């Protein structure tokens, strides 16, 4: 958590130094640096409790929602520039490579179709193809400031919920193991009809381990570790397409490129 906060501190300090170089007073430069970037040093007890036990992503929304509101009211062009850029890049991709946008988007998964609350498509077309000739789309919800805060295309809940309301943490892991169902994928953790008791225990332990540790490609047994391993060994996804090693590697660092 401290390392993640340090990532913001670097940019906060850079802004402070820049504003001081422009002649702004130390107090004003410090105020701008503090207000421009999200501060995860949250003192609200109920937010910290929710983050620790049930809603692991609530701290981002708790800080981002007021900043979005303030920006939309005071400087709406700040958000408009991102919408314009994404629309232009998507149109440029079709101008270069062609294709029927409506038909292509209907082939995407249901939670990848449609629009984010910011008014841009959830998936932006790229003017390239993968090694199998498939069209390639980029998930841009997290590339727009707070683009996924209110997005309801995540998870498998009965009522669509935004990402920050998706339950997580130790209580959720326990519930998934008890019900033998992954809340994120909607799939069974183990197969009661074909798996032995030992296999079911092993799959349950593996699910708990993957849910608990950071999902980083360099951590053995994590989701991205397995995904890159599947791509290297030639495994196929749910639709029968071989996994792509470059796409799996990019996905592990937040660049969600999908055929």
C-alpha atoms as a PDB file:
ATOM      1  CA  UNK A   1       0.000   0.000   0.000  1.00  0.00           C
ATOM      2  CA  UNK A   2       2.900   2.338   0.798  1.00  0.00           C
ATOM      3  CA  UNK A   3       4.543   1.540  -2.551  1.00  0.00           C
ATOM      4  CA  UNK A   4       1.292   2.308  -4.385  1.00  0.00           C
ATOM      5  CA  UNK A   5       1.008   5.631  -2.549  1.00  0.00           C
ATOM      6  CA  UNK A   6       4.614   6.474  -3.452  1.00  0.00           C
ATOM      7  CA  UNK A   7       3.656   6.281  -7.142  1.00  0.00           C
ATOM      8  CA  UNK A   8       1.317   9.248  -6.617  1.00  0.00           C
ATOM      9  CA  UNK A   9       3.830  11.069  -4.422  1.00  0.00           C
ATOM     10  CA  UNK A  10       6.362  11.212  -7.270  1.00  0.00           C
ATOM     11  CA  UNK A  11       3.929  13.068  -9.531  1.00  0.00           C
ATOM     12  CA  UNK A  12       2.701  15.214  -6.665  1.00  0.00           C
ATOM     13  CA  UNK A  13       6.259  16.342  -5.926  1.00  0.00           C
ATOM     14  CA  UNK A  14       6.918  16.975  -9.638  1.00  0.00           C
ATOM     15  CA  UNK A  15       3.897  19.289  -9.810  1.00  0.00           C
ATOM     16  CA  UNK A  16       5.009  21.104  -6.669  1.00  0.00           C
ATOM     17  CA  UNK A  17       8.512  21.696  -8.116  1.00  0.00           C
ATOM     18  CA  UNK A  18       7.073  22.884 -11.437  1.00  0.00           C
ATOM     19  CA  UNK A  19       4.684  25.348  -9.820  1.00  0.00           C
ATOM     20  CA  UNK A  20       7.498  26.690  -7.598  1.00  0.00           C
ATOM     21  CA  UNK A  21       9.631  27.207 -10.717  1.00  0.00           C
ATOM     22  CA  UNK A  22       6.747  29.219 -12.167  1.00  0.00           C
ATOM     23  CA  UNK A  23       6.868  31.582  -9.199  1.00  0.00           C
ATOM     24  CA  UNK A  24       3.958  30.238  -7.146  1.00  0.00           C
ATOM     25  CA  UNK A  25       4.289  30.475  -3.352  1.00  0.00           C
ATOM     26  CA  UNK A  26       5.202  27.286  -1.435  1.00  0.00           C
ATOM     27  CA  UNK A  27       1.777  27.211   0.238  1.00  0.00           C
ATOM     28  CA  UNK A  28      -0.132  27.532  -3.057  1.00  0.00           C
ATOM     29  CA  UNK A  29       2.102  24.991  -4.839  1.00  0.00           C
ATOM     30  CA  UNK A  30       1.614  22.508  -1.988  1.00  0.00           C
ATOM     31  CA  UNK A  31      -2.158  23.025  -2.056  1.00  0.00           C
ATOM     32  CA  UNK A  32      -2.325  22.411  -5.815  1.00  0.00           C
ATOM     33  CA  UNK A  33      -0.130  19.328  -5.564  1.00  0.00           C
ATOM     34  CA  UNK A  34      -2.309  17.899  -2.798  1.00  0.00           C
ATOM     35  CA  UNK A  35      -5.614  18.587  -4.554  1.00  0.00           C
ATOM     36  CA  UNK A  36      -4.572  17.430  -8.034  1.00  0.00           C
ATOM     37  CA  UNK A  37      -3.801  13.815  -7.121  1.00  0.00           C
ATOM     38  CA  UNK A  38      -5.826  11.330  -5.098  1.00  0.00           C
ATOM     39  CA  UNK A  39      -4.801  11.043  -1.455  1.00  0.00           C
ATOM     40  CA  UNK A  40      -5.331   7.515  -0.112  1.00  0.00           C
ATOM     41  CA  UNK A  41      -4.515   8.503   3.452  1.00  0.00           C
ATOM     42  CA  UNK A  42      -8.167   8.121   4.441  1.00  0.00           C
ATOM     43  CA  UNK A  43      -9.172   8.663   8.070  1.00  0.00           C
ATOM     44  CA  UNK A  44     -12.890   7.832   7.770  1.00  0.00           C
ATOM     45  CA  UNK A  45     -13.366   4.668   9.919  1.00  0.00           C
ATOM     46  CA  UNK A  46     -16.267   3.262   7.898  1.00  0.00           C
ATOM     47  CA  UNK A  47     -14.365   3.580   4.606  1.00  0.00           C
ATOM     48  CA  UNK A  48     -11.294   1.853   6.039  1.00  0.00           C
ATOM     49  CA  UNK A  49     -13.435  -0.916   7.518  1.00  0.00           C
ATOM     50  CA  UNK A  50     -15.262  -1.464   4.216  1.00  0.00           C
ATOM     51  CA  UNK A  51     -11.955  -1.503   2.299  1.00  0.00           C
ATOM     52  CA  UNK A  52     -10.387  -3.984   4.702  1.00  0.00           C
ATOM     53  CA  UNK A  53     -13.214  -6.527   4.855  1.00  0.00           C
ATOM     54  CA  UNK A  54     -15.770  -6.213   2.059  1.00  0.00           C
ATOM     55  CA  UNK A  55     -15.224  -3.461  -0.575  1.00  0.00           C
ATOM     56  CA  UNK A  56     -11.513  -3.361  -1.493  1.00  0.00           C
ATOM     57  CA  UNK A  57     -11.956  -0.715  -4.220  1.00  0.00           C
ATOM     58  CA  UNK A  58     -14.067   1.767  -2.297  1.00  0.00           C
ATOM     59  CA  UNK A  59     -11.148   4.022  -1.330  1.00  0.00           C
ATOM     60  CA  UNK A  60     -10.516   4.991  -4.962  1.00  0.00           C
ATOM     61  CA  UNK A  61     -14.151   5.960  -5.542  1.00  0.00           C
ATOM     62  CA  UNK A  62     -14.319   7.735  -2.166  1.00  0.00           C
ATOM     63  CA  UNK A  63     -11.539  10.045  -3.327  1.00  0.00           C
ATOM     64  CA  UNK A  64     -12.266  10.110  -7.075  1.00  0.00           C
ATOM     65  CA  UNK A  65     -16.016  10.909  -7.050  1.00  0.00           C
ATOM     66  CA  UNK A  66     -15.636  14.371  -5.412  1.00  0.00           C
ATOM     67  CA  UNK A  67     -12.737  15.194  -7.733  1.00  0.00           C
ATOM     68  CA  UNK A  68     -14.785  14.210 -10.808  1.00  0.00           C
ATOM     69  CA  UNK A  69     -17.703  16.343  -9.630  1.00  0.00           C
ATOM     70  CA  UNK A  70     -15.448  19.324  -8.981  1.00  0.00           C
ATOM     71  CA  UNK A  71     -13.761  18.987 -12.374  1.00  0.00           C
ATOM     72  CA  UNK A  72     -17.049  18.652 -14.278  1.00  0.00           C
ATOM     73  CA  UNK A  73     -18.418  21.768 -12.577  1.00  0.00           C
ATOM     74  CA  UNK A  74     -15.320  23.968 -12.742  1.00  0.00           C
ATOM     75  CA  UNK A  75     -13.407  22.753 -15.805  1.00  0.00           C
ATOM     76  CA  UNK A  76     -15.577  20.451 -17.967  1.00  0.00           C
ATOM     77  CA  UNK A  77     -13.161  20.763 -20.901  1.00  0.00           C
ATOM     78  CA  UNK A  78     -10.656  18.718 -18.894  1.00  0.00           C
ATOM     79  CA  UNK A  79     -12.912  15.669 -19.271  1.00  0.00           C
ATOM     80  CA  UNK A  80     -14.103  16.580 -22.769  1.00  0.00           C
ATOM     81  CA  UNK A  81     -10.590  16.352 -24.183  1.00  0.00           C
ATOM     82  CA  UNK A  82     -10.339  12.687 -23.219  1.00  0.00           C
ATOM     83  CA  UNK A  83     -13.703  11.877 -24.815  1.00  0.00           C
ATOM     84  CA  UNK A  84     -12.643  13.665 -28.014  1.00  0.00           C
ATOM     85  CA  UNK A  85      -9.304  11.849 -28.134  1.00  0.00           C
ATOM     86  CA  UNK A  86     -10.889   8.421 -27.730  1.00  0.00           C
ATOM     87  CA  UNK A  87     -13.561   9.085 -30.350  1.00  0.00           C
ATOM     88  CA  UNK A  88     -10.906  10.337 -32.784  1.00  0.00           C
ATOM     89  CA  UNK A  89      -8.599   7.352 -32.218  1.00  0.00           C
ATOM     90  CA  UNK A  90     -11.474   4.880 -32.648  1.00  0.00           C
ATOM     91  CA  UNK A  91     -12.557   6.597 -35.878  1.00  0.00           C
ATOM     92  CA  UNK A  92      -8.957   6.650 -37.102  1.00  0.00           C
ATOM     93  CA  UNK A  93      -8.657   2.897 -36.583  1.00  0.00           C
ATOM     94  CA  UNK A  94     -11.692   2.279 -38.812  1.00  0.00           C
ATOM     95  CA  UNK A  95     -10.417   4.773 -41.376  1.00  0.00           C
ATOM     96  CA  UNK A  96      -7.141   2.838 -41.597  1.00  0.00           C
ATOM     97  CA  UNK A  97      -8.400  -0.745 -41.385  1.00  0.00           C
ATOM     98  CA  UNK A  98     -12.093  -0.524 -42.316  1.00  0.00           C
ATOM     99  CA  UNK A  99     -14.827  -2.828 -41.051  1.00  0.00           C
ATOM    100  CA  UNK A 100     -18.426  -2.777 -39.817  1.00  0.00           C
ATOM    101  CA  UNK A 101     -18.272  -1.300 -36.312  1.00  0.00           C
ATOM    102  CA  UNK A 102     -21.758  -2.391 -35.287  1.00  0.00           C
ATOM    103  CA  UNK A 103     -21.212  -5.995 -36.358  1.00  0.00           C
ATOM    104  CA  UNK A 104     -17.776  -6.152 -34.740  1.00  0.00           C
ATOM    105  CA  UNK A 105     -18.993  -4.810 -31.411  1.00  0.00           C
ATOM    106  CA  UNK A 106     -21.835  -7.336 -31.327  1.00  0.00           C
ATOM    107  CA  UNK A 107     -19.174 -10.071 -31.343  1.00  0.00           C
ATOM    108  CA  UNK A 108     -17.655  -8.778 -28.090  1.00  0.00           C
ATOM    109  CA  UNK A 109     -18.647 -10.172 -24.708  1.00  0.00           C
ATOM    110  CA  UNK A 110     -21.775  -8.597 -23.259  1.00  0.00           C
ATOM    111  CA  UNK A 111     -19.858  -6.717 -20.553  1.00  0.00           C
ATOM    112  CA  UNK A 112     -17.510  -5.281 -23.213  1.00  0.00           C
ATOM    113  CA  UNK A 113     -20.273  -3.922 -25.426  1.00  0.00           C
ATOM    114  CA  UNK A 114     -21.956  -0.561 -24.942  1.00  0.00           C
ATOM    115  CA  UNK A 115     -20.650   2.637 -23.454  1.00  0.00           C
ATOM    116  CA  UNK A 116     -18.938   3.774 -20.302  1.00  0.00           C
ATOM    117  CA  UNK A 117     -20.587   6.516 -18.216  1.00  0.00           C
ATOM    118  CA  UNK A 118     -18.126   8.964 -19.744  1.00  0.00           C
ATOM    119  CA  UNK A 119     -19.787   8.596 -23.156  1.00  0.00           C
ATOM    120  CA  UNK A 120     -17.080   6.565 -24.911  1.00  0.00           C
ATOM    121  CA  UNK A 121     -17.189   2.905 -26.021  1.00  0.00           C
ATOM    122  CA  UNK A 122     -15.927   0.495 -23.403  1.00  0.00           C
ATOM    123  CA  UNK A 123     -13.658  -1.064 -26.027  1.00  0.00           C
ATOM    124  CA  UNK A 124     -11.708   1.046 -28.543  1.00  0.00           C
ATOM    125  CA  UNK A 125     -10.837  -0.481 -31.913  1.00  0.00           C
ATOM    126  CA  UNK A 126      -7.141  -0.661 -32.811  1.00  0.00           C
ATOM    127  CA  UNK A 127      -5.945  -0.600 -36.455  1.00  0.00           C
ATOM    128  CA  UNK A 128      -4.137  -3.936 -36.034  1.00  0.00           C
ATOM    129  CA  UNK A 129      -4.827  -7.676 -35.957  1.00  0.00           C
ATOM    130  CA  UNK A 130      -3.415 -10.401 -33.741  1.00  0.00           C
ATOM    131  CA  UNK A 131      -1.308 -13.304 -35.008  1.00  0.00           C
ATOM    132  CA  UNK A 132      -4.496 -15.222 -35.897  1.00  0.00           C
ATOM    133  CA  UNK A 133      -6.010 -12.399 -37.959  1.00  0.00           C
ATOM    134  CA  UNK A 134      -8.575 -11.367 -35.339  1.00  0.00           C
ATOM    135  CA  UNK A 135      -9.535  -7.728 -34.877  1.00  0.00           C
ATOM    136  CA  UNK A 136      -8.096  -6.186 -31.723  1.00  0.00           C
ATOM    137  CA  UNK A 137      -9.843  -3.933 -29.182  1.00  0.00           C
ATOM    138  CA  UNK A 138      -8.430  -1.999 -26.229  1.00  0.00           C
ATOM    139  CA  UNK A 139     -10.379  -1.688 -22.964  1.00  0.00           C
ATOM    140  CA  UNK A 140     -10.161   2.057 -22.270  1.00  0.00           C
ATOM    141  CA  UNK A 141     -12.362   2.282 -19.192  1.00  0.00           C
ATOM    142  CA  UNK A 142      -9.324   2.662 -16.943  1.00  0.00           C
ATOM    143  CA  UNK A 143      -7.480   4.933 -19.363  1.00  0.00           C
ATOM    144  CA  UNK A 144      -9.981   7.750 -18.869  1.00  0.00           C
ATOM    145  CA  UNK A 145      -9.842   9.428 -15.430  1.00  0.00           C
ATOM    146  CA  UNK A 146     -12.392   7.572 -13.282  1.00  0.00           C
ATOM    147  CA  UNK A 147     -13.747   5.921 -16.418  1.00  0.00           C
ATOM    148  CA  UNK A 148     -14.661   2.728 -14.568  1.00  0.00           C
ATOM    149  CA  UNK A 149     -15.939   4.232 -11.310  1.00  0.00           C
ATOM    150  CA  UNK A 150     -19.581   3.884 -12.321  1.00  0.00           C
ATOM    151  CA  UNK A 151     -19.181   1.140 -14.941  1.00  0.00           C
ATOM    152  CA  UNK A 152     -21.524  -1.797 -14.300  1.00  0.00           C
ATOM    153  CA  UNK A 153     -20.040  -4.220 -16.829  1.00  0.00           C
ATOM    154  CA  UNK A 154     -17.990  -6.092 -14.258  1.00  0.00           C
ATOM    155  CA  UNK A 155     -18.815  -9.108 -12.127  1.00  0.00           C
ATOM    156  CA  UNK A 156     -21.737 -11.539 -12.246  1.00  0.00           C
ATOM    157  CA  UNK A 157     -24.166 -10.071  -9.696  1.00  0.00           C
ATOM    158  CA  UNK A 158     -27.944 -10.355 -10.213  1.00  0.00           C
ATOM    159  CA  UNK A 159     -28.213  -6.558 -10.212  1.00  0.00           C
ATOM    160  CA  UNK A 160     -25.369  -4.888 -12.181  1.00  0.00           C
ATOM    161  CA  UNK A 161     -23.031  -3.105  -9.770  1.00  0.00           C
ATOM    162  CA  UNK A 162     -20.151  -0.691 -10.398  1.00  0.00           C
ATOM    163  CA  UNK A 163     -16.677  -2.059  -9.755  1.00  0.00           C
ATOM    164  CA  UNK A 164     -16.213  -0.341  -6.386  1.00  0.00           C
ATOM    165  CA  UNK A 165     -19.364  -2.045  -5.063  1.00  0.00           C
ATOM    166  CA  UNK A 166     -18.148  -5.514  -6.037  1.00  0.00           C
ATOM    167  CA  UNK A 167     -17.583  -7.381  -2.745  1.00  0.00           C
ATOM    168  CA  UNK A 168     -14.121  -8.726  -2.027  1.00  0.00           C
ATOM    169  CA  UNK A 169     -11.742  -9.453   0.803  1.00  0.00           C
ATOM    170  CA  UNK A 170     -11.693 -12.381   3.244  1.00  0.00           C
ATOM    171  CA  UNK A 171     -15.462 -12.522   3.757  1.00  0.00           C
ATOM    172  CA  UNK A 172     -16.069 -12.798   0.012  1.00  0.00           C
ATOM    173  CA  UNK A 173     -13.388 -15.461  -0.429  1.00  0.00           C
ATOM    174  CA  UNK A 174     -15.032 -17.508   2.319  1.00  0.00           C
ATOM    175  CA  UNK A 175     -18.457 -17.138   0.681  1.00  0.00           C
ATOM    176  CA  UNK A 176     -17.085 -18.225  -2.715  1.00  0.00           C
ATOM    177  CA  UNK A 177     -15.486 -21.326  -1.219  1.00  0.00           C
ATOM    178  CA  UNK A 178     -18.682 -22.146   0.691  1.00  0.00           C
ATOM    179  CA  UNK A 179     -20.840 -21.802  -2.441  1.00  0.00           C
ATOM    180  CA  UNK A 180     -18.196 -23.230  -4.835  1.00  0.00           C
ATOM    181  CA  UNK A 181     -18.651 -20.302  -7.187  1.00  0.00           C
ATOM    182  CA  UNK A 182     -16.367 -17.484  -8.337  1.00  0.00           C
ATOM    183  CA  UNK A 183     -18.219 -14.165  -8.084  1.00  0.00           C
ATOM    184  CA  UNK A 184     -16.066 -12.566 -10.792  1.00  0.00           C
ATOM    185  CA  UNK A 185     -16.377 -15.239 -13.504  1.00  0.00           C
ATOM    186  CA  UNK A 186     -19.631 -16.876 -12.411  1.00  0.00           C
ATOM    187  CA  UNK A 187     -17.979 -20.303 -12.863  1.00  0.00           C
ATOM    188  CA  UNK A 188     -17.766 -23.180 -10.396  1.00  0.00           C
ATOM    189  CA  UNK A 189     -14.452 -23.425  -8.533  1.00  0.00           C
ATOM    190  CA  UNK A 190     -14.469 -27.220  -8.725  1.00  0.00           C
ATOM    191  CA  UNK A 191     -16.590 -29.833 -10.495  1.00  0.00           C
ATOM    192  CA  UNK A 192     -18.511 -31.895  -7.945  1.00  0.00           C
ATOM    193  CA  UNK A 193     -19.328 -34.567 -10.537  1.00  0.00           C
ATOM    194  CA  UNK A 194     -15.828 -35.314 -11.822  1.00  0.00           C
ATOM    195  CA  UNK A 195     -13.317 -34.016  -9.254  1.00  0.00           C
ATOM    196  CA  UNK A 196     -12.159 -36.190  -6.397  1.00  0.00           C
ATOM    197  CA  UNK A 197     -12.188 -34.858  -2.837  1.00  0.00           C
ATOM    198  CA  UNK A 198      -8.463 -34.196  -3.079  1.00  0.00           C
ATOM    199  CA  UNK A 199      -8.860 -32.310  -6.373  1.00  0.00           C
ATOM    200  CA  UNK A 200     -11.687 -30.217  -4.944  1.00  0.00           C
ATOM    201  CA  UNK A 201      -9.581 -29.300  -1.906  1.00  0.00           C
ATOM    202  CA  UNK A 202      -6.673 -28.421  -4.183  1.00  0.00           C
ATOM    203  CA  UNK A 203      -8.793 -26.215  -6.443  1.00  0.00           C
ATOM    204  CA  UNK A 204     -10.343 -24.497  -3.426  1.00  0.00           C
ATOM    205  CA  UNK A 205      -6.917 -23.796  -1.949  1.00  0.00           C
ATOM    206  CA  UNK A 206      -5.666 -22.501  -5.304  1.00  0.00           C
ATOM    207  CA  UNK A 207      -8.666 -20.181  -5.615  1.00  0.00           C
ATOM    208  CA  UNK A 208      -8.148 -18.811  -2.103  1.00  0.00           C
ATOM    209  CA  UNK A 209      -4.436 -18.291  -2.797  1.00  0.00           C
ATOM    210  CA  UNK A 210      -5.056 -16.456  -6.096  1.00  0.00           C
ATOM    211  CA  UNK A 211      -7.773 -14.309  -4.516  1.00  0.00           C
ATOM    212  CA  UNK A 212      -5.527 -13.309  -1.609  1.00  0.00           C
ATOM    213  CA  UNK A 213      -2.231 -12.466  -3.339  1.00  0.00           C
ATOM    214  CA  UNK A 214      -1.624  -9.547  -5.749  1.00  0.00           C
ATOM    215  CA  UNK A 215      -2.450 -10.563  -9.310  1.00  0.00           C
ATOM    216  CA  UNK A 216       1.002  -9.800 -10.720  1.00  0.00           C
ATOM    217  CA  UNK A 217       2.745 -11.696 -13.508  1.00  0.00           C
ATOM    218  CA  UNK A 218       5.910 -12.155 -11.428  1.00  0.00           C
ATOM    219  CA  UNK A 219       4.115 -13.859  -8.503  1.00  0.00           C
ATOM    220  CA  UNK A 220       3.957 -17.664  -8.956  1.00  0.00           C
ATOM    221  CA  UNK A 221       0.435 -19.028  -9.071  1.00  0.00           C
ATOM    222  CA  UNK A 222      -1.299 -15.659  -9.573  1.00  0.00           C
ATOM    223  CA  UNK A 223      -3.972 -15.150 -12.240  1.00  0.00           C
ATOM    224  CA  UNK A 224      -1.584 -13.429 -14.634  1.00  0.00           C
ATOM    225  CA  UNK A 225       1.187 -15.942 -13.951  1.00  0.00           C
ATOM    226  CA  UNK A 226      -1.221 -18.695 -15.058  1.00  0.00           C
ATOM    227  CA  UNK A 227      -2.518 -16.688 -18.003  1.00  0.00           C
ATOM    228  CA  UNK A 228       0.942 -16.075 -19.431  1.00  0.00           C
ATOM    229  CA  UNK A 229       1.789 -19.732 -18.791  1.00  0.00           C
ATOM    230  CA  UNK A 230      -1.330 -20.799 -20.721  1.00  0.00           C
ATOM    231  CA  UNK A 231      -0.341 -18.548 -23.604  1.00  0.00           C
ATOM    232  CA  UNK A 232       3.177 -20.010 -23.709  1.00  0.00           C
ATOM    233  CA  UNK A 233       1.900 -23.615 -23.691  1.00  0.00           C
ATOM    234  CA  UNK A 234      -0.733 -22.968 -26.407  1.00  0.00           C
ATOM    235  CA  UNK A 235      -3.910 -23.189 -24.321  1.00  0.00           C
ATOM    236  CA  UNK A 236      -7.166 -21.771 -25.706  1.00  0.00           C
ATOM    237  CA  UNK A 237      -9.769 -19.388 -24.264  1.00  0.00           C
ATOM    238  CA  UNK A 238     -13.497 -19.979 -23.780  1.00  0.00           C
ATOM    239  CA  UNK A 239     -14.201 -19.423 -27.516  1.00  0.00           C
ATOM    240  CA  UNK A 240     -11.449 -21.779 -28.689  1.00  0.00           C
ATOM    241  CA  UNK A 241      -8.931 -19.094 -29.675  1.00  0.00           C
ATOM    242  CA  UNK A 242      -5.271 -19.621 -28.660  1.00  0.00           C
ATOM    243  CA  UNK A 243      -4.035 -17.236 -25.972  1.00  0.00           C
ATOM    244  CA  UNK A 244      -1.592 -14.581 -27.135  1.00  0.00           C
ATOM    245  CA  UNK A 245       1.647 -14.197 -25.155  1.00  0.00           C
ATOM    246  CA  UNK A 246       2.007 -10.442 -25.934  1.00  0.00           C
ATOM    247  CA  UNK A 247      -1.642  -9.772 -25.035  1.00  0.00           C
ATOM    248  CA  UNK A 248      -1.331 -11.739 -21.781  1.00  0.00           C
ATOM    249  CA  UNK A 249       1.835  -9.824 -20.859  1.00  0.00           C
ATOM    250  CA  UNK A 250       0.264  -6.458 -21.681  1.00  0.00           C
ATOM    251  CA  UNK A 251      -2.852  -7.350 -19.696  1.00  0.00           C
ATOM    252  CA  UNK A 252      -0.714  -7.994 -16.612  1.00  0.00           C
ATOM    253  CA  UNK A 253       0.368  -4.332 -16.588  1.00  0.00           C
ATOM    254  CA  UNK A 254      -3.101  -2.867 -17.227  1.00  0.00           C
ATOM    255  CA  UNK A 255      -3.165  -2.747 -21.059  1.00  0.00           C
ATOM    256  CA  UNK A 256      -6.247  -4.854 -21.744  1.00  0.00           C
ATOM    257  CA  UNK A 257      -5.968  -5.762 -25.443  1.00  0.00           C
ATOM    258  CA  UNK A 258      -8.452  -8.410 -26.610  1.00  0.00           C
ATOM    259  CA  UNK A 259      -9.279 -10.055 -29.971  1.00  0.00           C
END
